[in-house]
Protein backbone atom coordinates (compact mmCIF):
# COMPACT_ATOMS: atom_id res chain seq x y z
CA MET A 1 22.62 -14.94 -18.17
CA THR A 2 21.83 -13.88 -14.59
CA THR A 3 18.96 -15.61 -12.81
CA LEU A 4 16.59 -13.21 -11.07
CA ASP A 5 14.24 -14.53 -8.40
CA ILE A 6 11.36 -12.07 -8.07
CA GLY A 7 8.83 -12.16 -5.24
CA CYS A 8 5.58 -10.44 -6.13
CA SER A 9 1.82 -10.80 -5.75
CA ARG A 10 -0.04 -12.02 -8.83
CA TYR A 11 -1.46 -8.69 -9.87
CA GLU A 12 -2.99 -8.35 -13.33
CA HIS A 13 -0.35 -5.72 -14.11
CA VAL A 14 2.48 -8.24 -13.64
CA ALA A 15 0.75 -11.12 -15.46
CA GLY A 16 3.13 -10.84 -18.40
CA LEU A 17 6.10 -11.55 -16.14
CA PHE A 18 4.42 -14.55 -14.55
CA ASP A 19 3.35 -16.10 -17.88
CA GLY A 20 6.70 -15.35 -19.54
CA SER A 21 5.29 -13.14 -22.31
CA ILE A 22 7.41 -10.26 -21.00
CA SER A 23 11.09 -10.75 -20.24
CA ILE A 24 13.80 -8.75 -18.51
CA GLU A 25 16.79 -8.07 -20.73
CA GLY A 26 19.84 -10.04 -19.65
CA ALA A 27 17.99 -12.10 -17.06
CA ASP A 28 16.44 -15.52 -16.62
CA VAL A 29 13.41 -14.66 -14.49
CA ARG A 30 11.81 -16.92 -11.88
CA MET A 31 8.63 -15.46 -10.41
CA HIS A 32 7.45 -16.33 -6.89
CA SER A 33 4.28 -15.36 -5.04
CA ALA A 34 2.62 -15.80 -1.63
CA ASP A 35 -0.80 -15.74 -0.02
CA MET A 36 -0.28 -12.24 1.34
CA PRO A 37 2.12 -9.46 0.30
CA SER A 38 3.40 -9.23 3.88
CA ASP A 39 4.67 -12.82 3.54
CA ILE A 40 6.87 -11.62 0.67
CA PHE A 41 8.01 -8.61 2.71
CA GLU A 42 9.00 -10.84 5.62
CA LYS A 43 10.95 -13.29 3.47
CA MET A 44 12.81 -10.47 1.78
CA ILE A 45 13.65 -8.61 4.99
CA ARG A 46 14.51 -11.66 7.12
CA ASP A 47 16.16 -13.95 4.61
CA ARG A 48 16.91 -11.90 1.45
CA ALA A 49 14.85 -14.66 -0.19
CA TYR A 50 14.63 -12.87 -3.54
CA ASP A 51 16.79 -10.73 -5.77
CA VAL A 52 13.85 -8.42 -6.46
CA ALA A 53 10.69 -8.14 -4.39
CA GLU A 54 7.52 -6.26 -3.75
CA LEU A 55 7.85 -4.23 -0.55
CA GLY A 56 5.46 -1.93 1.28
CA LEU A 57 6.52 1.69 1.05
CA THR A 58 6.55 2.09 4.83
CA TYR A 59 8.94 -0.90 5.14
CA HIS A 60 11.26 0.66 2.58
CA LEU A 61 11.27 3.97 4.47
CA ARG A 62 11.92 2.26 7.81
CA LEU A 63 14.97 0.52 6.35
CA LEU A 64 16.20 3.74 4.74
CA ASP A 65 15.90 5.51 8.07
CA THR A 66 18.47 3.12 9.55
CA GLY A 67 21.03 4.51 7.11
CA ASN A 68 21.99 1.00 6.00
CA SER A 69 19.20 -0.43 3.87
CA PRO A 70 20.16 -3.55 1.89
CA PHE A 71 17.64 -2.61 -0.84
CA VAL A 72 17.19 -0.01 -3.56
CA ALA A 73 13.67 0.76 -4.79
CA LEU A 74 12.57 1.26 -8.37
CA PRO A 75 9.67 3.67 -9.11
CA ILE A 76 7.30 0.79 -9.82
CA PHE A 77 4.11 0.91 -7.75
CA LEU A 78 2.50 -2.49 -7.53
CA ALA A 79 -0.32 -1.64 -5.13
CA ARG A 80 -2.16 1.63 -4.77
CA VAL A 81 -5.57 2.14 -3.18
CA PHE A 82 -7.62 5.14 -2.14
CA ARG A 83 -7.73 4.86 1.63
CA HIS A 84 -10.76 6.77 2.91
CA SER A 85 -12.43 3.37 2.48
CA ALA A 86 -9.94 1.73 4.88
CA ILE A 87 -11.46 3.27 8.03
CA TYR A 88 -14.17 1.19 9.75
CA ILE A 89 -16.21 2.14 12.82
CA ASN A 90 -18.43 0.51 15.40
CA THR A 91 -21.89 1.99 14.72
CA GLN A 92 -22.70 2.20 18.45
CA SER A 93 -19.53 4.13 19.33
CA GLY A 94 -20.98 7.60 18.69
CA ILE A 95 -18.61 8.17 15.76
CA ARG A 96 -20.41 10.08 13.00
CA ARG A 97 -17.62 12.20 11.52
CA PRO A 98 -13.82 12.04 11.45
CA GLU A 99 -13.41 14.43 14.37
CA ASP A 100 -15.33 11.96 16.57
CA LEU A 101 -12.37 9.57 16.45
CA ALA A 102 -10.58 11.75 19.01
CA GLY A 103 -10.27 9.89 22.29
CA LYS A 104 -11.20 6.55 20.73
CA THR A 105 -9.30 3.26 20.53
CA ILE A 106 -8.45 2.29 16.95
CA GLY A 107 -7.18 -1.02 15.66
CA GLU A 108 -4.52 -1.21 12.96
CA PHE A 109 -3.42 -4.16 10.88
CA GLY A 110 0.06 -5.64 11.34
CA MET A 111 1.98 -2.72 12.78
CA TYR A 112 1.65 0.88 13.81
CA GLY A 113 2.09 2.72 10.53
CA HIS A 114 1.36 0.05 7.90
CA ASP A 115 0.85 1.31 4.35
CA GLY A 116 -2.93 1.26 4.71
CA GLY A 117 -2.64 3.22 7.98
CA VAL A 118 -0.14 5.97 7.17
CA TRP A 119 -2.36 7.35 4.42
CA PRO A 120 -5.65 7.64 6.33
CA LYS A 121 -3.88 9.02 9.41
CA GLY A 122 -2.25 11.67 7.27
CA ILE A 123 -5.48 12.54 5.48
CA LEU A 124 -7.37 12.80 8.77
CA SER A 125 -4.65 15.11 10.09
CA ASP A 126 -4.49 17.32 6.99
CA GLU A 127 -8.20 17.60 6.35
CA PHE A 128 -9.89 17.16 9.73
CA GLY A 129 -7.27 18.13 12.33
CA LEU A 130 -7.23 14.65 13.91
CA THR A 131 -3.71 13.52 14.85
CA PRO A 132 -2.65 10.02 15.98
CA ASP A 133 -1.78 11.16 19.51
CA GLN A 134 -5.47 11.94 20.08
CA CYS A 135 -6.27 8.21 19.85
CA ARG A 136 -5.17 4.89 21.36
CA TRP A 137 -3.97 2.12 19.04
CA VAL A 138 -4.22 -1.68 19.12
CA ILE A 139 -2.09 -3.63 16.62
CA GLY A 140 -2.84 -7.12 15.28
CA ALA A 141 -4.58 -8.96 12.47
CA THR A 142 -8.15 -8.46 11.34
CA ASP A 143 -9.60 -11.98 11.14
CA TRP A 144 -7.10 -14.22 12.95
CA TYR A 145 -4.89 -13.81 15.98
CA MET A 146 -1.47 -12.39 15.18
CA PRO A 147 0.86 -10.28 17.29
CA PRO A 148 2.38 -7.21 15.60
CA PHE A 149 4.95 -7.98 12.90
CA ASP A 150 8.35 -8.63 14.44
CA PHE A 151 10.53 -8.52 11.33
CA ILE A 152 10.76 -4.72 11.00
CA ALA A 153 11.29 -1.87 13.46
CA GLN A 154 8.07 -0.31 14.74
CA PRO A 155 8.89 3.09 16.26
CA HIS A 156 6.17 5.39 17.47
CA PRO A 157 6.19 8.69 19.37
CA ALA A 158 6.20 8.51 23.16
CA ASN A 159 2.92 10.44 23.29
CA VAL A 160 1.07 7.86 21.17
CA GLU A 161 -0.33 4.87 23.08
CA VAL A 162 0.22 1.63 21.13
CA GLN A 163 -0.37 -1.91 22.38
CA PRO A 164 -0.72 -5.38 20.81
CA VAL A 165 -4.03 -7.13 20.34
CA PRO A 166 -4.90 -9.34 23.35
CA GLU A 167 -3.62 -12.87 22.89
CA GLY A 168 -6.06 -15.00 20.89
CA ASP A 169 -8.23 -12.06 19.82
CA THR A 170 -8.83 -10.39 16.45
CA LEU A 171 -9.40 -6.78 15.50
CA SER A 172 -12.58 -7.75 13.64
CA ASP A 173 -14.13 -9.28 16.76
CA MET A 174 -12.97 -6.41 18.96
CA LEU A 175 -14.52 -3.90 16.55
CA GLU A 176 -17.84 -5.71 16.44
CA ARG A 177 -17.93 -5.96 20.25
CA GLY A 178 -17.01 -2.29 20.60
CA GLU A 179 -13.75 -2.93 22.46
CA ILE A 180 -12.10 -0.87 19.77
CA GLN A 181 -14.26 1.81 18.23
CA ALA A 182 -12.57 2.01 14.85
CA LEU A 183 -10.17 0.12 12.61
CA MET A 184 -7.67 1.13 9.92
CA SER A 185 -6.79 -1.84 7.77
CA ALA A 186 -5.69 -2.69 4.26
CA ARG A 187 -7.93 -5.74 4.68
CA ALA A 188 -11.67 -5.35 5.21
CA PRO A 189 -12.62 -7.02 8.53
CA ARG A 190 -14.74 -10.15 8.39
CA CYS A 191 -17.52 -8.56 10.46
CA PHE A 192 -17.93 -5.87 7.79
CA VAL A 193 -17.75 -8.31 4.87
CA ASP A 194 -20.39 -10.47 6.60
CA GLY A 195 -22.71 -7.48 6.93
CA SER A 196 -22.71 -6.93 10.70
CA PRO A 197 -25.04 -4.01 11.57
CA ARG A 198 -22.57 -3.02 14.28
CA VAL A 199 -19.85 -2.11 11.76
CA ALA A 200 -19.73 0.46 8.95
CA ARG A 201 -17.26 2.61 7.05
CA LEU A 202 -16.47 6.05 8.43
CA PHE A 203 -17.07 7.39 4.92
CA PRO A 204 -20.13 5.45 3.65
CA ASP A 205 -19.97 7.06 0.20
CA HIS A 206 -16.23 6.56 0.05
CA GLU A 207 -16.00 6.47 -3.75
CA ALA A 208 -17.38 10.01 -4.06
CA VAL A 209 -15.10 11.20 -1.25
CA GLU A 210 -12.06 9.55 -2.83
CA ARG A 211 -12.83 10.89 -6.31
CA ASP A 212 -13.12 14.38 -4.83
CA TYR A 213 -9.83 13.85 -2.98
CA PHE A 214 -8.07 12.93 -6.22
CA ALA A 215 -9.62 15.88 -8.08
CA ARG A 216 -8.31 18.26 -5.38
CA THR A 217 -4.89 16.73 -4.72
CA GLY A 218 -3.94 14.62 -7.74
CA ILE A 219 -2.92 11.85 -5.30
CA PHE A 220 -3.67 8.17 -5.97
CA PRO A 221 -2.18 6.70 -2.75
CA ILE A 222 0.76 4.34 -3.21
CA MET A 223 1.11 1.27 -1.00
CA HIS A 224 3.85 -1.01 -2.41
CA THR A 225 6.95 -0.47 -4.48
CA LEU A 226 9.56 -2.88 -5.91
CA VAL A 227 13.02 -3.24 -4.40
CA VAL A 228 16.25 -4.82 -5.63
CA ARG A 229 19.09 -6.10 -3.50
CA ARG A 230 21.68 -3.33 -3.31
CA ASP A 231 24.59 -5.73 -3.87
CA LEU A 232 22.97 -6.99 -7.07
CA LEU A 233 22.59 -3.48 -8.50
CA GLU A 234 26.16 -2.65 -7.56
CA ALA A 235 27.32 -5.68 -9.54
CA GLU A 236 24.79 -5.26 -12.41
CA PRO A 237 23.75 -1.57 -12.53
CA ASP A 238 21.93 -1.98 -15.87
CA PHE A 239 19.36 -4.20 -14.21
CA ALA A 240 17.60 -1.19 -12.61
CA ARG A 241 16.37 0.15 -15.94
CA ALA A 242 15.85 -3.30 -17.47
CA ILE A 243 13.56 -4.32 -14.59
CA PHE A 244 11.76 -0.95 -14.66
CA GLU A 245 11.12 -1.24 -18.39
CA ALA A 246 9.85 -4.83 -18.14
CA PHE A 247 7.43 -4.06 -15.30
CA THR A 248 6.25 -0.98 -17.20
CA ARG A 249 5.53 -3.08 -20.29
CA ALA A 250 3.58 -5.55 -18.16
CA LYS A 251 1.52 -2.77 -16.59
CA ASP A 252 0.86 -1.10 -19.94
CA ALA A 253 -0.28 -4.43 -21.39
CA ALA A 254 -2.79 -4.84 -18.55
CA LEU A 255 -4.20 -1.37 -19.10
CA ASP A 256 -4.32 -1.96 -22.84
CA ARG A 257 -6.37 -5.12 -22.32
CA LEU A 258 -8.95 -3.11 -20.43
CA ARG A 259 -8.96 -0.22 -22.89
CA VAL A 260 -9.25 -2.51 -25.93
CA GLY A 261 -11.93 -4.50 -24.13
CA MET A 262 -14.09 -1.39 -23.97
CA VAL A 263 -14.82 -1.84 -27.67
CA GLU A 264 -16.78 -5.00 -26.78
CA MET A 265 -18.02 -3.74 -23.39
CA ASN A 266 -15.41 -5.95 -21.68
CA PHE A 267 -17.70 -8.94 -22.14
CA LYS A 268 -14.88 -11.38 -21.33
CA THR A 269 -14.92 -10.29 -17.68
CA THR A 270 -17.49 -11.13 -15.01
CA VAL A 271 -17.81 -7.52 -13.77
CA PRO A 272 -21.08 -5.83 -14.86
CA TRP A 273 -20.79 -2.22 -16.11
CA LEU A 274 -17.00 -2.40 -16.16
CA THR A 275 -16.80 -0.36 -19.37
CA PRO A 276 -18.66 2.72 -18.06
CA LEU A 277 -16.57 2.50 -14.88
CA LEU A 278 -13.38 2.49 -16.94
CA ASP A 279 -14.70 5.42 -18.95
CA ARG A 280 -15.35 7.39 -15.76
CA ASN A 281 -11.92 6.49 -14.42
CA ARG A 282 -10.17 7.57 -17.60
CA THR A 283 -12.05 10.87 -17.48
CA GLY A 284 -11.14 11.49 -13.84
CA LEU A 285 -7.70 9.91 -13.53
CA GLY A 286 -6.32 10.08 -17.07
CA ASP A 287 -5.59 7.48 -19.72
CA ASP A 288 -2.68 6.05 -17.71
CA TRP A 289 -4.37 5.89 -14.33
CA TRP A 290 -1.60 3.69 -12.85
CA PRO A 291 1.62 5.56 -13.71
CA TYR A 292 5.12 4.39 -12.90
CA GLY A 293 8.15 6.66 -12.65
CA VAL A 294 9.04 9.49 -10.30
CA ALA A 295 7.61 12.55 -12.07
CA ALA A 296 4.00 11.38 -12.31
CA ASN A 297 4.02 10.26 -8.68
CA ARG A 298 6.07 12.97 -6.99
CA THR A 299 3.15 14.62 -5.19
CA ALA A 300 1.96 11.29 -3.75
CA LEU A 301 5.50 10.29 -2.76
CA ASP A 302 6.29 13.67 -1.18
CA THR A 303 3.05 13.48 0.78
CA PHE A 304 3.71 9.94 2.00
CA CYS A 305 7.24 10.85 3.14
CA ARG A 306 5.85 13.86 5.01
CA TYR A 307 3.15 11.76 6.68
CA PHE A 308 5.71 9.12 7.61
CA HIS A 309 7.87 11.66 9.42
CA GLU A 310 4.97 13.59 10.97
CA GLN A 311 3.64 10.34 12.45
CA GLY A 312 6.97 9.70 14.18
CA LEU A 313 7.94 6.73 12.03
CA SER A 314 11.28 8.16 10.88
CA SER A 315 13.96 10.29 12.50
CA ARG A 316 13.93 12.72 9.57
CA HIS A 317 11.90 13.69 6.53
CA ILE A 318 13.24 11.37 3.82
CA ALA A 319 13.40 12.98 0.37
CA VAL A 320 11.91 11.34 -2.70
CA GLU A 321 15.34 11.35 -4.35
CA GLU A 322 16.58 8.97 -1.64
CA LEU A 323 13.93 6.36 -2.35
CA PHE A 324 14.94 5.12 -5.79
CA ALA A 325 17.87 4.05 -7.93
CA ALA A 326 19.70 7.17 -9.08
CA ASP A 327 19.52 6.37 -12.77
CA LEU A 328 15.71 6.17 -12.61
CA LEU A 329 15.13 9.55 -11.01
CA ASP A 330 14.54 10.95 -14.49
CA THR A 331 11.51 8.71 -15.11
């Protein structure tokens, strides 16, 4: 039996793989995790530390654009988040609406074009006419000093000004001081979490805005996928579907726990009013609100690939069919 080392965050929808209640046919699975998903990305890209690993969609596309990616993705989407909520502003910057971001300096977490940045930039361009070249960009970490990631290529168009965070500084502190006027980050900055009056979201009622966005577009933005070493799939091609089916069972089990829990108002959780929230989500997003497979996610994937190219992160518009293992394109 083949041993599979899998690097993945401990999401509730992979719990069955971590606790061993769900297995992968033909494999002895060893699950690994890390404090942050980007730690997993770095280990996989630098060291091929795992056979299978969570990987941000933008990292996967960057590697594909080289024409020689060592990984093949499976249409498993481990992290997805509506991203209107990922845009933070300094309240004294004069920014009141998306168009006011033009001419401003914006921080971005980790790299120019991280998963939590590609989506809001694309949405702002599509819906408000604001393009990245109208702004200046500072790249770093939110709550601790970190230079931009150095384990993946970070292209950007020549007409877009991008620079690293000043040594020793953080994007959270720069936002609160007004040295950057806005921030796009998958991680909420400490100044916002701590309730600073100098920091707010660009879209204060982001849930209503995001629900309207989904109702109009059908897009639940995808952040992270799952990749397999290409050499492993060439040697064991059946693993693509076996891994896909196991992760799907784990995800379905997580959703079932929530749906079944609605009978008892989900009293085993610590989240008040979780049941009515789930009821609203099922009404708006459907009974399987976290779908895997290509067909159910094609619009979101097409849109992300378009944004990725429009933002100058790839040399060409990569097609959805290029993203995933060929024998899973029918999912």
